[in-house]
Protein backbone atom coordinates (compact mmCIF):
# COMPACT_ATOMS: atom_id res chain seq x y z
CA MET A 1 15.59 -138.05 7.88
CA GLN A 2 12.41 -138.90 5.99
CA ILE A 3 9.08 -139.62 7.72
CA VAL A 4 6.67 -142.21 6.31
CA THR A 5 3.16 -142.80 7.60
CA ASP A 6 -0.22 -144.05 6.41
CA SER A 7 -3.52 -142.28 5.84
CA GLY A 8 -5.02 -143.84 9.00
CA THR A 9 -3.01 -141.50 11.22
CA ASP A 10 -4.99 -138.34 10.37
CA ILE A 11 -2.08 -135.91 10.55
CA ASN A 12 -2.91 -132.19 10.66
CA PHE A 13 -0.36 -131.20 8.02
CA SER A 14 -1.42 -129.64 4.75
CA PRO A 15 0.22 -131.11 1.62
CA GLU A 16 2.63 -128.16 1.65
CA GLU A 17 3.56 -128.76 5.31
CA ALA A 18 4.02 -132.47 4.67
CA ALA A 19 6.43 -131.69 1.86
CA ALA A 20 8.32 -129.15 3.99
CA TYR A 21 8.75 -131.66 6.82
CA ASN A 22 9.62 -134.63 4.54
CA VAL A 23 6.45 -136.52 5.49
CA HIS A 24 5.20 -139.12 3.01
CA ILE A 25 1.70 -140.63 3.38
CA VAL A 26 0.93 -144.07 1.98
CA PRO A 27 -2.82 -144.35 1.28
CA LEU A 28 -5.11 -147.09 2.52
CA THR A 29 -7.77 -148.39 0.14
CA VAL A 30 -11.55 -148.60 0.44
CA THR A 31 -13.70 -150.67 -1.91
CA LEU A 32 -17.39 -149.92 -2.40
CA GLU A 33 -19.66 -151.63 -4.92
CA GLY A 34 -16.66 -153.33 -6.50
CA LYS A 35 -14.70 -150.12 -7.12
CA SER A 36 -11.52 -149.39 -5.15
CA TYR A 37 -10.32 -145.94 -4.12
CA GLN A 38 -7.05 -144.80 -2.55
CA GLU A 39 -7.71 -142.45 0.34
CA GLY A 40 -6.57 -138.90 -0.31
CA VAL A 41 -5.54 -139.77 -3.85
CA ASP A 42 -8.76 -140.38 -5.78
CA ILE A 43 -11.40 -139.98 -3.06
CA GLN A 44 -12.00 -137.61 -0.14
CA PRO A 45 -14.21 -138.22 2.93
CA GLU A 46 -17.18 -136.17 1.71
CA GLU A 47 -17.19 -138.06 -1.60
CA PHE A 48 -16.97 -141.41 0.16
CA TYR A 49 -19.91 -140.76 2.50
CA GLU A 50 -21.98 -139.45 -0.41
CA LEU A 51 -21.39 -142.75 -2.21
CA LEU A 52 -22.11 -144.68 1.00
CA SER A 53 -25.46 -142.90 1.44
CA HIS A 54 -26.64 -144.16 -1.95
CA THR A 55 -25.90 -147.86 -1.54
CA GLU A 56 -26.91 -150.75 0.65
CA LYS A 57 -23.50 -152.33 0.11
CA LEU A 58 -20.99 -152.23 2.96
CA PRO A 59 -17.42 -151.01 2.33
CA ILE A 60 -14.30 -153.16 2.47
CA THR A 61 -10.91 -151.72 3.39
CA SER A 62 -7.37 -152.89 2.77
CA GLN A 63 -3.93 -151.82 3.90
CA PRO A 64 -1.14 -150.80 1.53
CA SER A 65 0.87 -153.68 0.12
CA ALA A 66 4.46 -154.42 1.08
CA GLY A 67 5.35 -153.50 -2.50
CA GLN A 68 3.89 -150.00 -2.09
CA PHE A 69 6.06 -149.42 0.95
CA ALA A 70 9.11 -150.92 -0.78
CA ASP A 71 8.65 -148.61 -3.77
CA LEU A 72 8.47 -145.56 -1.50
CA TYR A 73 11.41 -146.60 0.69
CA ARG A 74 13.51 -147.27 -2.42
CA ARG A 75 12.71 -143.88 -3.90
CA LEU A 76 13.41 -142.04 -0.65
CA ALA A 77 16.66 -143.89 -0.01
CA VAL A 78 18.16 -142.37 -3.16
CA THR A 79 18.35 -138.98 -1.40
CA ASP A 80 18.25 -140.00 2.28
CA PRO A 81 18.44 -143.64 3.48
CA ASP A 82 17.37 -142.78 7.05
CA ILE A 83 13.61 -143.27 7.31
CA LEU A 84 11.27 -143.25 10.32
CA SER A 85 8.07 -145.12 9.42
CA ILE A 86 5.20 -144.46 11.87
CA HIS A 87 1.90 -146.29 11.56
CA MET A 88 -1.58 -146.84 12.92
CA THR A 89 -1.91 -149.69 15.39
CA SER A 90 -1.01 -153.20 14.25
CA GLY A 91 -3.83 -154.42 16.49
CA LEU A 92 -6.46 -153.13 14.05
CA SER A 93 -4.67 -153.01 10.69
CA GLY A 94 -2.06 -154.94 8.76
CA THR A 95 -0.44 -151.69 7.63
CA TYR A 96 2.45 -151.84 10.11
CA ASN A 97 3.31 -155.40 9.07
CA SER A 98 3.17 -154.39 5.39
CA ALA A 99 5.65 -151.64 6.17
CA LEU A 100 7.97 -154.12 7.90
CA ALA A 101 7.80 -156.47 4.93
CA GLY A 102 8.38 -153.61 2.50
CA ALA A 103 11.54 -152.57 4.31
CA GLN A 104 12.93 -156.09 3.93
CA MET A 105 12.89 -155.57 0.17
CA VAL A 106 14.98 -152.42 0.34
CA PRO A 107 18.29 -153.17 2.10
CA GLU A 108 19.74 -149.82 1.06
CA ALA A 109 17.18 -148.04 3.28
CA ASN A 110 17.71 -147.69 7.02
CA VAL A 111 14.09 -147.89 8.18
CA ILE A 112 13.01 -147.67 11.82
CA HIS A 113 9.36 -148.63 12.36
CA VAL A 114 7.03 -147.32 15.05
CA ASP A 115 3.74 -149.03 15.91
CA THR A 116 1.73 -146.23 17.55
CA LYS A 117 -0.71 -148.74 19.12
CA THR A 118 -3.44 -146.21 18.36
CA LEU A 119 -5.08 -144.55 15.38
CA SER A 120 -6.44 -141.30 13.98
CA ALA A 121 -5.44 -138.08 15.81
CA PRO A 122 -3.21 -139.51 18.59
CA ALA A 123 -1.27 -141.49 15.99
CA GLY A 124 -1.01 -138.38 13.83
CA TRP A 125 0.36 -136.41 16.77
CA GLN A 126 3.26 -138.85 16.94
CA VAL A 127 3.94 -138.35 13.23
CA GLU A 128 3.83 -134.57 13.56
CA ALA A 129 6.09 -134.63 16.61
CA ALA A 130 8.63 -136.79 14.77
CA ALA A 131 8.56 -134.50 11.76
CA ARG A 132 9.06 -131.29 13.75
CA THR A 133 11.79 -132.65 16.00
CA SER A 134 13.63 -134.29 13.09
CA LYS A 135 13.58 -130.96 11.27
CA ALA A 136 15.01 -129.37 14.44
CA GLY A 137 17.91 -131.81 14.44
CA TRP A 138 16.94 -134.15 17.28
CA SER A 139 18.63 -137.55 17.41
CA VAL A 140 16.60 -140.64 16.53
CA ASP A 141 16.76 -141.95 20.10
CA ARG A 142 15.48 -138.66 21.49
CA ILE A 143 12.63 -138.63 18.95
CA LEU A 144 11.64 -142.22 19.77
CA GLY A 145 11.60 -141.38 23.48
CA LEU A 146 9.24 -138.49 22.81
CA LEU A 147 6.94 -140.67 20.70
CA GLN A 148 6.74 -143.18 23.54
CA ARG A 149 5.80 -140.42 25.99
CA ILE A 150 3.11 -139.12 23.65
CA GLY A 151 1.74 -142.63 23.20
CA ASP A 152 1.64 -143.17 26.97
CA ALA A 153 -0.07 -139.81 27.62
CA CYS A 154 -2.72 -139.81 24.89
CA GLU A 155 -5.98 -141.66 24.37
CA SER A 156 -8.43 -142.23 21.53
CA ILE A 157 -12.10 -142.84 22.37
CA TYR A 158 -15.28 -142.71 20.35
CA THR A 159 -18.94 -143.63 20.08
CA LEU A 160 -21.41 -144.18 17.27
CA ASP A 161 -25.13 -144.33 16.67
CA GLU A 162 -25.27 -147.49 14.55
CA LEU A 163 -23.28 -150.70 14.82
CA LYS A 164 -23.70 -152.45 11.46
CA TYR A 165 -20.38 -151.18 10.09
CA LEU A 166 -18.38 -152.35 13.12
CA ILE A 167 -20.12 -155.72 13.02
CA HIS A 168 -19.47 -156.08 9.29
CA GLY A 169 -15.81 -155.16 9.70
CA GLY A 170 -15.28 -157.75 12.42
CA ARG A 171 -13.76 -155.20 14.77
CA ILE A 172 -16.15 -156.14 17.61
CA SER A 173 -17.70 -159.41 18.69
CA HIS A 174 -20.43 -160.27 16.21
CA MET A 175 -22.82 -161.56 18.85
CA LYS A 176 -22.29 -158.63 21.23
CA GLY A 177 -22.76 -156.26 18.34
CA ILE A 178 -26.07 -157.80 17.32
CA ILE A 179 -27.38 -157.71 20.88
CA ALA A 180 -26.32 -154.09 21.35
CA SER A 181 -27.87 -153.16 18.02
CA LEU A 182 -31.19 -154.74 18.95
CA LEU A 183 -31.19 -152.93 22.28
CA LYS A 184 -30.23 -149.62 20.60
CA ILE A 185 -27.20 -149.35 22.86
CA LYS A 186 -24.45 -146.87 22.02
CA PRO A 187 -21.01 -148.23 22.95
CA LEU A 188 -18.11 -146.21 24.33
CA ILE A 189 -15.01 -147.60 22.63
CA GLY A 190 -11.34 -146.97 23.33
CA VAL A 191 -8.01 -148.29 22.08
CA GLU A 192 -6.01 -150.14 24.70
CA LYS A 193 -2.28 -149.56 24.76
CA GLU A 194 -0.77 -153.04 25.08
CA ASN A 195 -1.96 -154.50 21.78
CA GLY A 196 -3.65 -151.47 20.26
CA THR A 197 -7.06 -153.10 19.88
CA TYR A 198 -10.56 -151.85 20.60
CA VAL A 199 -11.92 -152.14 24.12
CA GLN A 200 -15.46 -151.36 25.24
CA LEU A 201 -15.46 -148.75 28.01
CA GLY A 202 -19.21 -148.66 28.62
CA GLN A 203 -22.57 -148.37 26.94
CA VAL A 204 -25.36 -145.81 26.95
CA ARG A 205 -28.89 -145.81 25.56
CA THR A 206 -28.86 -142.43 23.79
CA PHE A 207 -26.30 -140.92 21.46
CA LYS A 208 -26.08 -137.62 23.32
CA GLY A 209 -25.66 -139.61 26.51
CA ALA A 210 -22.84 -141.51 24.83
CA LEU A 211 -21.12 -138.24 23.89
CA ARG A 212 -21.37 -137.14 27.53
CA GLY A 213 -20.02 -140.59 28.42
CA LEU A 214 -16.87 -139.82 26.42
CA VAL A 215 -16.37 -136.74 28.57
CA GLU A 216 -16.70 -138.92 31.66
CA GLN A 217 -13.95 -141.13 30.27
CA ILE A 218 -11.68 -138.10 29.93
CA LYS A 219 -12.44 -137.19 33.55
CA LYS A 220 -11.22 -140.64 34.62
CA LYS A 221 -7.84 -139.88 33.05
CA TYR A 222 -7.35 -136.17 33.81
CA PRO A 223 -8.75 -133.94 36.59
CA VAL A 224 -11.13 -131.19 35.54
CA GLY A 225 -9.14 -128.03 34.80
CA SER A 226 -6.13 -129.87 33.35
CA GLU A 227 -4.43 -128.44 30.29
CA LEU A 228 -5.00 -130.88 27.45
CA ARG A 229 -4.28 -131.23 23.78
CA VAL A 230 -7.62 -132.24 22.26
CA GLN A 231 -8.93 -133.06 18.81
CA VAL A 232 -12.50 -134.02 17.98
CA LEU A 233 -12.96 -136.01 14.78
CA HIS A 234 -16.05 -137.52 13.22
CA SER A 235 -17.05 -139.54 10.18
CA GLN A 236 -19.85 -137.35 8.86
CA ASN A 237 -21.37 -135.99 12.05
CA PRO A 238 -20.29 -132.37 12.63
CA GLU A 239 -23.29 -131.72 14.88
CA GLY A 240 -22.19 -134.50 17.25
CA GLY A 241 -18.59 -133.29 17.01
CA ASN A 242 -19.57 -129.74 17.97
CA TYR A 243 -21.64 -130.97 20.92
CA LEU A 244 -18.73 -133.08 22.22
CA ARG A 245 -16.31 -130.19 21.83
CA GLU A 246 -18.60 -127.87 23.79
CA GLN A 247 -18.86 -130.35 26.67
CA ILE A 248 -15.07 -130.81 26.88
CA ASP A 249 -14.41 -127.08 26.58
CA LYS A 250 -16.48 -126.43 29.71
CA LEU A 251 -14.17 -128.56 31.84
CA TYR A 252 -10.61 -128.30 30.51
CA LYS A 253 -8.01 -125.83 29.30
CA CYS A 254 -7.81 -127.10 25.76
CA ASN A 255 -5.20 -126.70 23.07
CA TRP A 256 -7.70 -127.47 20.32
CA GLN A 257 -6.54 -129.16 17.15
CA PRO A 258 -8.68 -128.80 14.01
CA MET A 259 -12.02 -130.61 14.12
CA GLY A 260 -12.94 -132.43 10.97
CA PRO A 261 -13.56 -135.76 9.27
CA MET A 262 -11.36 -138.66 10.31
CA SER A 263 -9.72 -141.03 7.85
CA LEU A 264 -12.46 -142.37 5.60
CA VAL A 265 -10.91 -145.85 5.81
CA LEU A 266 -11.40 -145.74 9.59
CA GLY A 267 -14.87 -144.28 9.04
CA ALA A 268 -15.69 -147.21 6.78
CA HIS A 269 -15.52 -149.41 9.90
CA THR A 270 -17.69 -147.12 12.01
CA GLY A 271 -20.16 -145.54 9.60
CA PRO A 272 -21.11 -141.88 9.21
CA SER A 273 -22.48 -141.41 12.75
CA MET A 274 -19.14 -141.85 14.56
CA VAL A 275 -17.77 -139.09 16.80
CA GLY A 276 -14.45 -139.49 18.59
CA VAL A 277 -11.83 -137.54 20.48
CA GLY A 278 -8.09 -137.77 20.95
CA PHE A 279 -6.73 -136.19 24.11
CA GLY A 280 -3.62 -136.06 26.23
CA SER A 281 -1.64 -133.86 28.59
CA GLN A 282 -0.44 -130.71 26.84
CA GLU A 283 2.75 -130.89 28.92
CA VAL A 284 4.17 -133.74 26.83
CA PHE A 285 3.92 -131.57 23.69
CA ASP A 286 5.48 -128.43 25.13
CA GLU A 287 9.04 -129.48 24.32
CA ILE A 288 8.31 -129.87 20.59
CA PRO A 289 9.89 -127.05 18.53
């Protein structure tokens, strides 16, 4: 079975690992100053934020087209028609719907789609789990059951120091964003599980306070001392990422995943100050080969 995903899922695989596990990543696109770039193909996060720091223009993002998905499904179906296509939440991106439409164009492919209802690391964990269990010979139904359990157990939360990118992208209420920006408030933002859209979990007046607020959100989900799978990601804020990791590490038994920059297309909606964390019970991952 082949695995298809999009660049908004932030999987931990190297290109070599992706090839070994039959994982295929369809890039999202970011446009800045009239020039478009495909994530991971002709631009990397550090290059994107360098460009962003030298312009007053705000970035625009777009999902892959149905045709891009159709082309990939058609090519993959030549060797293996069974495809599991796993994508970032349909509540914040049209990528999942593009994948659905693309599959309609390729009747020779047997495509099963999964809407993770989340993004970044927790979405990537579902992709990685599917890839490893497929390689181990699990049935599709068993894999889908595991992905559901991972989705139920894991959360994605983040904060940021400036709101203009979220306001520009329309991902939060324009009026609330302006008010919060004027008051210098730092929001705590999560992704709710029913529709996979952003939800405000609180607000704090300082950025370090907001990072500590993320830890408080984890404490609401899991008792101190729990064994968790955790991954800190940031746009271009390693200092904030390290501080958040230190605070979490004091309280939990952590199976740390690599810290690093999140998808630049997601970062285009948050700006370079964003720091976030994906977390969930390690127990749900223990059965993965």
